[in-house]
N, C-alpha and C. Protein backbone atom coordinates (compact mmCIF):
# COMPACT_ATOMS: atom_id res chain seq x y z
N UNK A 1 76.50 95.84 77.24
CA UNK A 1 76.91 94.46 76.96
C UNK A 1 75.71 93.54 77.22
N UNK A 2 75.29 92.81 76.17
CA UNK A 2 74.14 91.91 76.28
C UNK A 2 74.59 90.51 76.65
N UNK A 3 73.82 89.87 77.54
CA UNK A 3 74.15 88.51 77.98
C UNK A 3 72.98 87.59 77.69
N UNK A 4 73.31 86.36 77.34
CA UNK A 4 72.26 85.37 77.07
C UNK A 4 71.69 84.80 78.36
N UNK A 5 72.36 85.10 79.49
CA UNK A 5 71.94 84.59 80.79
C UNK A 5 71.92 85.72 81.81
N UNK A 6 70.82 85.84 82.53
CA UNK A 6 70.74 86.85 83.57
C UNK A 6 71.74 86.56 84.69
N UNK A 7 71.94 85.27 84.98
CA UNK A 7 72.90 84.89 86.03
C UNK A 7 74.31 85.30 85.64
N UNK A 8 74.65 85.12 84.37
CA UNK A 8 75.96 85.54 83.88
C UNK A 8 76.09 87.05 83.98
N UNK A 9 75.06 87.76 83.59
CA UNK A 9 75.08 89.22 83.66
C UNK A 9 75.23 89.73 85.07
N UNK A 10 74.55 89.09 86.02
CA UNK A 10 74.66 89.50 87.43
C UNK A 10 76.07 89.28 87.96
N UNK A 11 76.65 88.13 87.59
CA UNK A 11 78.01 87.82 88.05
C UNK A 11 79.01 88.82 87.48
N UNK A 12 78.87 89.17 86.21
CA UNK A 12 79.76 90.13 85.57
C UNK A 12 79.59 91.51 86.21
N UNK A 13 78.34 91.89 86.47
CA UNK A 13 78.08 93.20 87.08
C UNK A 13 78.74 93.31 88.46
N UNK A 14 78.65 92.24 89.25
CA UNK A 14 79.27 92.25 90.59
C UNK A 14 80.79 92.28 90.49
N UNK A 15 81.34 91.45 89.59
CA UNK A 15 82.80 91.37 89.43
C UNK A 15 83.38 92.69 88.95
N UNK A 16 82.64 93.40 88.09
CA UNK A 16 83.15 94.64 87.51
C UNK A 16 83.18 95.79 88.51
N UNK A 17 82.62 95.58 89.72
CA UNK A 17 82.67 96.61 90.75
C UNK A 17 84.02 96.64 91.48
N UNK A 18 84.83 95.58 91.25
CA UNK A 18 86.15 95.54 91.87
C UNK A 18 87.07 96.57 91.23
N UNK A 19 88.02 97.15 91.99
CA UNK A 19 88.93 98.17 91.45
C UNK A 19 89.72 97.64 90.26
N UNK A 20 89.75 98.41 89.19
CA UNK A 20 90.55 98.04 88.03
C UNK A 20 89.95 96.97 87.15
N UNK A 21 88.74 96.55 87.46
CA UNK A 21 88.09 95.50 86.68
C UNK A 21 86.94 96.10 85.87
N UNK A 22 87.11 96.11 84.55
CA UNK A 22 86.05 96.58 83.67
C UNK A 22 85.12 95.44 83.30
N UNK A 23 84.10 95.75 82.51
CA UNK A 23 83.12 94.73 82.13
C UNK A 23 83.75 93.59 81.33
N UNK A 24 84.65 93.89 80.42
CA UNK A 24 85.27 92.84 79.59
C UNK A 24 86.15 91.92 80.43
N UNK A 25 86.94 92.53 81.32
CA UNK A 25 87.79 91.72 82.21
C UNK A 25 86.92 90.88 83.14
N UNK A 26 85.84 91.48 83.64
CA UNK A 26 84.92 90.74 84.52
C UNK A 26 84.32 89.55 83.79
N UNK A 27 83.98 89.74 82.53
CA UNK A 27 83.40 88.65 81.75
C UNK A 27 84.41 87.52 81.59
N UNK A 28 85.67 87.86 81.30
CA UNK A 28 86.72 86.83 81.17
C UNK A 28 86.88 86.05 82.46
N UNK A 29 86.87 86.75 83.60
CA UNK A 29 87.03 86.09 84.89
C UNK A 29 85.85 85.16 85.20
N UNK A 30 84.65 85.65 84.92
CA UNK A 30 83.45 84.84 85.18
C UNK A 30 83.44 83.60 84.30
N UNK A 31 83.78 83.76 83.02
CA UNK A 31 83.82 82.61 82.12
C UNK A 31 84.90 81.62 82.53
N UNK A 32 86.01 82.15 83.04
CA UNK A 32 87.08 81.28 83.55
C UNK A 32 86.56 80.44 84.72
N UNK A 33 85.83 81.09 85.64
CA UNK A 33 85.29 80.36 86.78
C UNK A 33 84.32 79.27 86.34
N UNK A 34 83.56 79.54 85.29
CA UNK A 34 82.59 78.56 84.80
C UNK A 34 83.29 77.32 84.24
N UNK A 35 84.52 77.50 83.75
CA UNK A 35 85.26 76.38 83.18
C UNK A 35 85.94 75.53 84.25
N UNK A 36 86.08 76.10 85.45
CA UNK A 36 86.75 75.38 86.53
C UNK A 36 85.79 74.40 87.21
N UNK A 37 86.34 73.42 87.93
CA UNK A 37 85.47 72.51 88.69
C UNK A 37 84.60 73.29 89.66
N UNK A 38 83.40 72.84 89.88
CA UNK A 38 82.47 73.55 90.76
C UNK A 38 83.05 73.75 92.15
N UNK A 39 83.83 72.78 92.61
CA UNK A 39 84.42 72.86 93.95
C UNK A 39 85.32 74.08 94.11
N UNK A 40 86.01 74.46 93.01
CA UNK A 40 86.91 75.62 93.09
C UNK A 40 86.12 76.91 93.28
N UNK A 41 85.01 77.04 92.56
CA UNK A 41 84.16 78.22 92.70
C UNK A 41 83.54 78.28 94.09
N UNK A 42 83.15 77.12 94.61
CA UNK A 42 82.57 77.06 95.96
C UNK A 42 83.61 77.48 97.00
N UNK A 43 84.86 77.03 96.81
CA UNK A 43 85.94 77.42 97.73
C UNK A 43 86.17 78.93 97.69
N UNK A 44 86.13 79.50 96.47
CA UNK A 44 86.32 80.94 96.32
C UNK A 44 85.22 81.72 97.02
N UNK A 45 83.98 81.33 96.77
CA UNK A 45 82.86 82.04 97.40
C UNK A 45 82.89 81.87 98.91
N UNK A 46 83.32 80.69 99.37
CA UNK A 46 83.42 80.45 100.81
C UNK A 46 84.49 81.30 101.45
N UNK A 47 85.63 81.45 100.74
CA UNK A 47 86.73 82.28 101.27
C UNK A 47 86.30 83.74 101.36
N UNK A 48 85.56 84.22 100.36
CA UNK A 48 85.09 85.61 100.38
C UNK A 48 84.06 85.83 101.48
N UNK A 49 83.19 84.84 101.68
CA UNK A 49 82.19 84.95 102.74
C UNK A 49 82.87 84.98 104.11
N UNK A 50 83.86 84.09 104.30
CA UNK A 50 84.60 84.07 105.57
C UNK A 50 85.34 85.39 105.79
N UNK A 51 85.87 85.96 104.69
CA UNK A 51 86.59 87.23 104.79
C UNK A 51 85.69 88.31 105.36
N UNK A 52 84.44 88.35 104.90
CA UNK A 52 83.51 89.39 105.34
C UNK A 52 82.93 89.12 106.73
N UNK A 53 82.74 87.86 107.08
CA UNK A 53 82.05 87.55 108.32
C UNK A 53 82.98 87.28 109.50
N UNK A 54 84.24 86.90 109.22
CA UNK A 54 85.12 86.48 110.31
C UNK A 54 86.34 87.37 110.51
N UNK A 55 86.65 88.22 109.53
CA UNK A 55 87.85 89.06 109.67
C UNK A 55 87.66 90.05 110.82
N UNK A 56 88.75 90.35 111.50
CA UNK A 56 88.71 91.28 112.64
C UNK A 56 89.78 92.35 112.46
N UNK A 57 89.67 93.40 113.24
CA UNK A 57 90.73 94.39 113.35
C UNK A 57 91.39 94.20 114.71
N UNK A 58 92.70 94.15 114.72
CA UNK A 58 93.45 93.98 115.96
C UNK A 58 93.07 95.09 116.94
N UNK A 59 92.77 94.72 118.16
CA UNK A 59 92.36 95.70 119.16
C UNK A 59 93.51 96.61 119.58
N UNK A 60 94.73 96.19 119.28
CA UNK A 60 95.89 96.99 119.69
C UNK A 60 96.37 97.93 118.58
N UNK A 61 96.47 97.41 117.35
CA UNK A 61 97.08 98.22 116.27
C UNK A 61 96.14 98.49 115.10
N UNK A 62 94.95 97.86 115.09
CA UNK A 62 93.95 98.04 114.03
C UNK A 62 94.36 97.39 112.71
N UNK A 63 95.32 96.49 112.77
CA UNK A 63 95.70 95.72 111.59
C UNK A 63 94.64 94.64 111.34
N UNK A 64 94.49 94.19 110.12
CA UNK A 64 93.57 93.10 109.82
C UNK A 64 94.09 91.82 110.45
N UNK A 65 93.20 91.07 111.08
CA UNK A 65 93.62 89.89 111.84
C UNK A 65 92.52 88.85 111.87
N UNK A 66 92.92 87.61 112.12
CA UNK A 66 91.94 86.53 112.31
C UNK A 66 91.50 86.45 113.76
N UNK A 67 92.28 87.06 114.63
CA UNK A 67 92.00 86.97 116.07
C UNK A 67 91.92 88.38 116.68
N UNK A 68 91.56 88.44 117.95
CA UNK A 68 91.37 89.71 118.65
C UNK A 68 92.65 90.54 118.66
N UNK A 69 93.80 89.89 118.83
CA UNK A 69 95.11 90.52 118.78
C UNK A 69 95.89 89.88 117.64
N UNK A 70 96.43 90.69 116.73
CA UNK A 70 97.11 90.14 115.56
C UNK A 70 98.42 89.44 115.95
N UNK A 71 98.95 88.65 115.01
CA UNK A 71 100.17 87.88 115.27
C UNK A 71 101.37 88.78 115.56
N UNK A 72 101.42 89.97 114.94
CA UNK A 72 102.56 90.87 115.16
C UNK A 72 102.54 91.40 116.59
N UNK A 73 101.38 91.87 117.03
CA UNK A 73 101.28 92.41 118.40
C UNK A 73 101.47 91.32 119.45
N UNK A 74 101.07 90.09 119.10
CA UNK A 74 101.16 88.98 120.06
C UNK A 74 102.56 88.37 120.12
N UNK A 75 103.42 88.74 119.20
CA UNK A 75 104.76 88.18 119.12
C UNK A 75 105.64 88.77 120.23
N UNK A 76 106.12 87.95 121.19
CA UNK A 76 106.92 88.46 122.31
C UNK A 76 108.29 88.99 121.88
N UNK A 77 108.70 88.66 120.66
CA UNK A 77 110.01 89.10 120.17
C UNK A 77 109.97 90.48 119.51
N UNK A 78 108.78 91.05 119.36
CA UNK A 78 108.70 92.38 118.76
C UNK A 78 109.02 93.44 119.81
N UNK A 79 109.57 94.58 119.34
CA UNK A 79 109.91 95.69 120.23
C UNK A 79 108.65 96.53 120.45
N UNK A 80 108.01 96.32 121.57
CA UNK A 80 106.71 96.95 121.82
C UNK A 80 106.80 98.44 122.13
N UNK A 81 108.02 98.93 122.39
CA UNK A 81 108.18 100.35 122.70
C UNK A 81 108.31 101.21 121.43
N UNK A 82 108.43 100.57 120.26
CA UNK A 82 108.53 101.29 119.00
C UNK A 82 107.28 101.04 118.18
N UNK A 83 106.62 102.11 117.73
CA UNK A 83 105.38 101.98 116.96
C UNK A 83 105.52 102.70 115.64
N UNK A 84 105.28 101.99 114.56
CA UNK A 84 105.35 102.54 113.22
C UNK A 84 103.93 102.87 112.75
N UNK A 85 103.69 104.14 112.44
CA UNK A 85 102.36 104.59 112.03
C UNK A 85 102.23 104.49 110.51
N UNK A 86 101.24 103.72 110.05
CA UNK A 86 101.03 103.52 108.62
C UNK A 86 99.58 103.79 108.25
N UNK A 87 99.34 103.89 106.95
CA UNK A 87 97.99 104.18 106.48
C UNK A 87 97.09 102.95 106.54
N UNK A 88 97.53 101.82 105.96
CA UNK A 88 96.67 100.63 105.94
C UNK A 88 97.47 99.35 105.91
N UNK A 89 96.77 98.23 105.79
CA UNK A 89 97.36 96.89 105.84
C UNK A 89 98.42 96.70 104.76
N UNK A 90 98.25 97.33 103.61
CA UNK A 90 99.23 97.16 102.53
C UNK A 90 100.59 97.69 102.92
N UNK A 91 100.61 98.76 103.73
CA UNK A 91 101.88 99.32 104.18
C UNK A 91 102.54 98.41 105.21
N UNK A 92 101.73 97.80 106.06
CA UNK A 92 102.27 96.82 107.02
C UNK A 92 102.96 95.69 106.27
N UNK A 93 102.29 95.18 105.25
CA UNK A 93 102.84 94.07 104.47
C UNK A 93 104.13 94.49 103.77
N UNK A 94 104.15 95.71 103.22
CA UNK A 94 105.33 96.20 102.52
C UNK A 94 106.54 96.30 103.45
N UNK A 95 106.31 96.85 104.65
CA UNK A 95 107.41 97.00 105.61
C UNK A 95 107.85 95.65 106.16
N UNK A 96 106.91 94.77 106.43
CA UNK A 96 107.24 93.43 106.92
C UNK A 96 108.10 92.67 105.92
N UNK A 97 107.82 92.86 104.64
CA UNK A 97 108.57 92.16 103.60
C UNK A 97 110.03 92.58 103.54
N UNK A 98 110.37 93.74 104.12
CA UNK A 98 111.77 94.18 104.12
C UNK A 98 112.59 93.40 105.14
N UNK A 99 111.94 92.91 106.20
CA UNK A 99 112.66 92.19 107.25
C UNK A 99 113.54 93.10 108.09
N UNK A 100 113.37 94.42 107.97
CA UNK A 100 114.24 95.38 108.66
C UNK A 100 113.61 96.00 109.90
N UNK A 101 112.35 95.68 110.18
CA UNK A 101 111.66 96.35 111.28
C UNK A 101 111.14 95.31 112.27
N UNK A 102 111.40 95.57 113.57
CA UNK A 102 111.02 94.60 114.60
C UNK A 102 110.07 95.19 115.63
N UNK A 103 109.57 96.40 115.40
CA UNK A 103 108.63 97.00 116.34
C UNK A 103 107.20 96.64 116.02
N UNK A 104 106.26 97.42 116.56
CA UNK A 104 104.84 97.21 116.32
C UNK A 104 104.33 98.26 115.33
N UNK A 105 103.06 98.18 115.00
CA UNK A 105 102.45 99.11 114.04
C UNK A 105 101.23 99.78 114.67
N UNK A 106 100.80 100.86 114.02
CA UNK A 106 99.50 101.45 114.31
C UNK A 106 98.90 101.84 112.95
N UNK A 107 97.82 101.17 112.58
CA UNK A 107 97.19 101.39 111.28
C UNK A 107 96.10 102.46 111.42
N UNK A 108 96.28 103.57 110.72
CA UNK A 108 95.34 104.69 110.83
C UNK A 108 94.03 104.44 110.08
N UNK A 109 94.08 103.65 109.03
CA UNK A 109 92.88 103.43 108.23
C UNK A 109 92.66 104.50 107.18
N UNK A 110 93.70 105.28 106.87
CA UNK A 110 93.60 106.33 105.87
C UNK A 110 94.49 107.50 106.22
N UNK A 111 94.28 108.61 105.50
CA UNK A 111 95.03 109.85 105.74
C UNK A 111 94.05 111.01 105.80
N UNK A 112 94.42 112.05 106.52
CA UNK A 112 93.57 113.24 106.58
C UNK A 112 93.47 113.86 105.18
N UNK A 113 92.24 114.02 104.71
CA UNK A 113 92.03 114.56 103.37
C UNK A 113 90.70 115.31 103.35
N UNK A 114 90.73 116.60 103.66
CA UNK A 114 89.50 117.40 103.67
C UNK A 114 88.73 117.33 102.35
N UNK A 115 89.46 117.22 101.24
CA UNK A 115 88.81 117.14 99.93
C UNK A 115 87.92 115.91 99.82
N UNK A 116 88.32 114.84 100.52
CA UNK A 116 87.54 113.59 100.49
C UNK A 116 86.65 113.45 101.72
N UNK A 117 86.60 114.50 102.54
CA UNK A 117 85.77 114.46 103.73
C UNK A 117 86.32 113.59 104.84
N UNK A 118 87.64 113.37 104.83
CA UNK A 118 88.27 112.53 105.85
C UNK A 118 89.02 113.43 106.83
N UNK A 119 88.56 113.46 108.06
CA UNK A 119 89.21 114.24 109.11
C UNK A 119 89.82 113.32 110.15
N UNK A 120 90.47 113.88 111.15
CA UNK A 120 91.12 113.08 112.20
C UNK A 120 90.17 112.11 112.89
N UNK A 121 88.91 112.51 113.04
CA UNK A 121 87.96 111.65 113.76
C UNK A 121 87.61 110.38 112.99
N UNK A 122 87.86 110.38 111.66
CA UNK A 122 87.58 109.18 110.86
C UNK A 122 88.74 108.18 110.91
N UNK A 123 89.85 108.59 111.50
CA UNK A 123 91.02 107.73 111.59
C UNK A 123 91.23 107.27 113.04
N UNK A 124 92.19 106.39 113.24
CA UNK A 124 92.42 105.85 114.59
C UNK A 124 93.48 106.65 115.35
N UNK A 125 93.50 107.95 115.11
CA UNK A 125 94.51 108.80 115.74
C UNK A 125 94.33 108.86 117.26
N UNK A 126 93.10 108.94 117.73
CA UNK A 126 92.85 109.04 119.17
C UNK A 126 93.42 107.85 119.93
N UNK A 127 93.23 106.65 119.38
CA UNK A 127 93.74 105.47 120.09
C UNK A 127 95.27 105.44 120.10
N UNK A 128 95.90 106.05 119.08
CA UNK A 128 97.36 106.17 119.07
C UNK A 128 97.81 107.11 120.17
N UNK A 129 97.15 108.26 120.29
CA UNK A 129 97.49 109.22 121.34
C UNK A 129 97.29 108.59 122.72
N UNK A 130 96.18 107.86 122.89
CA UNK A 130 95.91 107.18 124.16
C UNK A 130 97.00 106.17 124.49
N UNK A 131 97.49 105.50 123.47
CA UNK A 131 98.54 104.49 123.65
C UNK A 131 99.82 105.16 124.17
N UNK A 132 100.13 106.32 123.60
CA UNK A 132 101.32 107.06 124.04
C UNK A 132 101.16 107.53 125.48
N UNK A 133 99.95 107.96 125.84
CA UNK A 133 99.70 108.47 127.19
C UNK A 133 99.88 107.38 128.25
N UNK A 134 99.73 106.14 127.87
CA UNK A 134 99.92 105.04 128.82
C UNK A 134 101.38 104.84 129.19
N UNK A 135 102.28 105.48 128.43
CA UNK A 135 103.71 105.41 128.75
C UNK A 135 104.41 104.18 128.25
N UNK A 136 103.78 103.42 127.34
CA UNK A 136 104.39 102.19 126.85
C UNK A 136 105.20 102.40 125.58
N UNK A 137 105.10 103.61 124.98
CA UNK A 137 105.76 103.88 123.70
C UNK A 137 106.94 104.82 123.90
N UNK A 138 108.09 104.47 123.32
CA UNK A 138 109.28 105.30 123.39
C UNK A 138 109.57 106.04 122.08
N UNK A 139 109.12 105.45 120.97
CA UNK A 139 109.36 106.07 119.66
C UNK A 139 108.18 105.85 118.73
N UNK A 140 107.79 106.90 118.04
CA UNK A 140 106.79 106.83 116.99
C UNK A 140 107.50 107.07 115.66
N UNK A 141 107.33 106.15 114.72
CA UNK A 141 107.91 106.30 113.38
C UNK A 141 106.76 106.64 112.42
N UNK A 142 106.84 107.80 111.79
CA UNK A 142 105.84 108.16 110.79
C UNK A 142 106.23 107.52 109.45
N UNK A 143 105.40 106.62 108.96
CA UNK A 143 105.70 105.92 107.71
C UNK A 143 104.54 106.05 106.72
N UNK A 144 103.96 107.25 106.66
CA UNK A 144 102.92 107.50 105.67
C UNK A 144 103.56 107.92 104.36
N UNK A 145 102.86 107.73 103.27
CA UNK A 145 103.37 108.11 101.96
C UNK A 145 103.68 109.60 101.93
N UNK A 146 104.72 109.97 101.20
CA UNK A 146 105.15 111.38 101.17
C UNK A 146 104.31 112.18 100.18
N UNK A 147 103.02 112.24 100.45
CA UNK A 147 102.09 113.05 99.68
C UNK A 147 101.61 114.19 100.57
N UNK A 148 100.85 115.12 99.99
CA UNK A 148 100.32 116.23 100.78
C UNK A 148 99.47 115.72 101.93
N UNK A 149 98.61 114.72 101.64
CA UNK A 149 97.75 114.15 102.68
C UNK A 149 98.57 113.43 103.75
N UNK A 150 99.60 112.70 103.31
CA UNK A 150 100.45 111.98 104.26
C UNK A 150 101.19 112.93 105.17
N UNK A 151 101.77 113.99 104.58
CA UNK A 151 102.52 114.97 105.38
C UNK A 151 101.59 115.73 106.33
N UNK A 152 100.37 116.02 105.88
CA UNK A 152 99.40 116.70 106.74
C UNK A 152 99.05 115.83 107.94
N UNK A 153 98.86 114.55 107.69
CA UNK A 153 98.51 113.61 108.77
C UNK A 153 99.66 113.47 109.75
N UNK A 154 100.88 113.33 109.22
CA UNK A 154 102.06 113.26 110.08
C UNK A 154 102.15 114.47 111.01
N UNK A 155 101.98 115.65 110.42
CA UNK A 155 102.13 116.89 111.19
C UNK A 155 101.02 117.01 112.24
N UNK A 156 99.81 116.62 111.89
CA UNK A 156 98.70 116.68 112.84
C UNK A 156 98.99 115.79 114.05
N UNK A 157 99.43 114.57 113.80
CA UNK A 157 99.74 113.66 114.91
C UNK A 157 100.91 114.18 115.73
N UNK A 158 101.92 114.71 115.04
CA UNK A 158 103.09 115.28 115.72
C UNK A 158 102.67 116.37 116.70
N UNK A 159 101.77 117.25 116.26
CA UNK A 159 101.30 118.34 117.13
C UNK A 159 100.50 117.79 118.31
N UNK A 160 99.75 116.70 118.08
CA UNK A 160 98.98 116.09 119.16
C UNK A 160 99.89 115.46 120.20
N UNK A 161 101.10 115.11 119.80
CA UNK A 161 102.04 114.44 120.70
C UNK A 161 102.98 115.42 121.41
N UNK A 162 102.82 116.70 121.14
CA UNK A 162 103.69 117.69 121.77
C UNK A 162 103.60 117.58 123.29
N UNK A 163 104.76 117.57 123.93
CA UNK A 163 104.80 117.45 125.38
C UNK A 163 104.98 116.03 125.86
N UNK A 164 104.75 115.05 124.97
CA UNK A 164 104.95 113.65 125.36
C UNK A 164 106.44 113.32 125.33
N UNK A 165 106.87 112.55 126.30
CA UNK A 165 108.29 112.21 126.41
C UNK A 165 108.63 111.03 125.50
N UNK A 166 108.50 111.24 124.20
CA UNK A 166 108.82 110.17 123.25
C UNK A 166 109.62 110.75 122.09
N UNK A 167 110.28 109.86 121.37
CA UNK A 167 111.03 110.23 120.18
C UNK A 167 110.11 110.09 118.97
N UNK A 168 110.12 111.05 118.07
CA UNK A 168 109.35 110.94 116.83
C UNK A 168 110.33 110.97 115.66
N UNK A 169 110.15 110.04 114.73
CA UNK A 169 111.02 109.98 113.56
C UNK A 169 110.18 109.70 112.33
N UNK A 170 110.78 109.86 111.18
CA UNK A 170 110.10 109.57 109.93
C UNK A 170 111.04 108.79 109.03
N UNK A 171 110.48 107.98 108.15
CA UNK A 171 111.32 107.18 107.27
C UNK A 171 112.15 108.10 106.39
N UNK A 172 113.39 107.69 106.11
CA UNK A 172 114.28 108.49 105.28
C UNK A 172 113.70 108.63 103.88
N UNK A 173 114.01 109.71 103.21
CA UNK A 173 113.41 109.99 101.91
C UNK A 173 114.07 109.23 100.77
N UNK A 174 114.30 107.93 100.99
CA UNK A 174 114.65 107.06 99.88
C UNK A 174 113.41 106.84 99.05
N UNK A 175 112.24 107.09 99.69
CA UNK A 175 110.97 107.02 99.00
C UNK A 175 110.72 108.37 98.34
N UNK A 176 110.50 108.37 97.04
CA UNK A 176 110.31 109.63 96.32
C UNK A 176 109.07 110.36 96.79
N UNK A 177 109.12 111.69 96.77
CA UNK A 177 107.96 112.49 97.13
C UNK A 177 106.80 112.16 96.21
N UNK A 178 105.64 111.89 96.79
CA UNK A 178 104.46 111.56 96.01
C UNK A 178 104.27 110.06 95.81
N UNK A 179 105.26 109.24 96.19
CA UNK A 179 105.14 107.80 96.02
C UNK A 179 104.32 107.18 97.13
N UNK A 180 103.61 106.11 96.79
CA UNK A 180 102.89 105.33 97.79
C UNK A 180 103.83 104.26 98.32
N UNK A 181 103.75 104.00 99.63
CA UNK A 181 104.67 103.06 100.28
C UNK A 181 104.59 101.66 99.68
N UNK A 182 103.40 101.22 99.36
CA UNK A 182 103.21 99.84 98.92
C UNK A 182 103.93 99.53 97.61
N UNK A 183 104.25 100.57 96.81
CA UNK A 183 104.89 100.34 95.52
C UNK A 183 106.41 100.48 95.58
N UNK A 184 106.95 100.80 96.74
CA UNK A 184 108.40 100.94 96.88
C UNK A 184 109.04 99.55 96.90
N UNK A 185 110.25 99.45 96.32
CA UNK A 185 110.92 98.16 96.37
C UNK A 185 111.40 97.89 97.80
N UNK A 186 111.59 96.61 98.12
CA UNK A 186 111.87 96.21 99.50
C UNK A 186 113.19 96.76 100.01
N UNK A 187 114.21 96.84 99.16
CA UNK A 187 115.52 97.32 99.59
C UNK A 187 115.43 98.80 99.97
N UNK A 188 114.81 99.61 99.10
CA UNK A 188 114.67 101.04 99.37
C UNK A 188 113.85 101.28 100.62
N UNK A 189 112.73 100.56 100.75
CA UNK A 189 111.86 100.74 101.91
C UNK A 189 112.57 100.30 103.18
N UNK A 190 113.31 99.19 103.11
CA UNK A 190 114.05 98.71 104.27
C UNK A 190 115.09 99.72 104.74
N UNK A 191 115.80 100.32 103.79
CA UNK A 191 116.80 101.34 104.15
C UNK A 191 116.14 102.58 104.72
N UNK A 192 114.95 102.90 104.21
CA UNK A 192 114.24 104.08 104.71
C UNK A 192 113.84 103.91 106.17
N UNK A 193 113.45 102.68 106.53
CA UNK A 193 113.09 102.38 107.92
C UNK A 193 114.33 102.41 108.80
N UNK A 194 115.40 101.73 108.35
CA UNK A 194 116.64 101.65 109.14
C UNK A 194 117.28 103.01 109.34
N UNK A 195 117.25 103.85 108.30
CA UNK A 195 117.91 105.16 108.35
C UNK A 195 116.93 106.29 108.63
N UNK A 196 115.89 105.99 109.38
CA UNK A 196 114.90 107.02 109.70
C UNK A 196 115.54 108.21 110.41
N UNK A 197 114.90 109.37 110.26
CA UNK A 197 115.45 110.61 110.80
C UNK A 197 114.44 111.24 111.76
N UNK A 198 114.91 112.11 112.66
CA UNK A 198 113.96 112.79 113.56
C UNK A 198 112.90 113.53 112.75
N UNK A 199 111.67 113.46 113.22
CA UNK A 199 110.58 114.07 112.46
C UNK A 199 110.76 115.58 112.36
N UNK A 200 111.30 116.21 113.40
CA UNK A 200 111.50 117.65 113.38
C UNK A 200 112.39 118.07 112.22
N UNK A 201 113.36 117.22 111.88
CA UNK A 201 114.28 117.53 110.78
C UNK A 201 113.54 117.55 109.45
N UNK A 202 112.53 116.70 109.31
CA UNK A 202 111.78 116.64 108.04
C UNK A 202 110.95 117.90 107.82
N UNK A 203 110.63 118.62 108.90
CA UNK A 203 109.82 119.84 108.78
C UNK A 203 110.62 120.98 108.18
N UNK A 204 111.95 120.86 108.20
CA UNK A 204 112.80 121.95 107.71
C UNK A 204 113.05 121.82 106.22
N UNK A 205 112.68 120.66 105.64
CA UNK A 205 112.95 120.43 104.22
C UNK A 205 111.91 121.11 103.33
């Protein structure tokens, strides 16, 4: 794709690196920005800069946060003895949108996937185990997507927790096998959280 402006070409090249954005879509977006007031583009670039320089990970649950401890962990009305284990921020948002869960979260930052070179040490599994060892957790809810990688991660953590005096459960299979949590509708996901089952029972299926 030839451009009459190097600046335009650079902007399109950067925009097209975003997931799902090809060169043509990137060009449309860049041209759209050029038509907007300069202040709008400045606000956008400022928001992206702030995102990269000021965003934090919650020291307790590893959720994305503006502060050292995220709003969910800091909320005194949350049930701190229940921890829902999820893959990333999108799953936190999906579960929160159901309005059916009042506990805390633990964001792993991914799933165990040897094919992609992702092992337990690349995830926040150790801090989850340490949290359980402190005796503050009564129940762990496994809420990873029902894929091979998700099930492998669930089972690995379950084995690491053997001997701990806690309850382990998993979301009910209202979520189809192979589905990603973030794409589930809120009613189905909410029922899956509410009707969660003991994790040991899921191993027999």
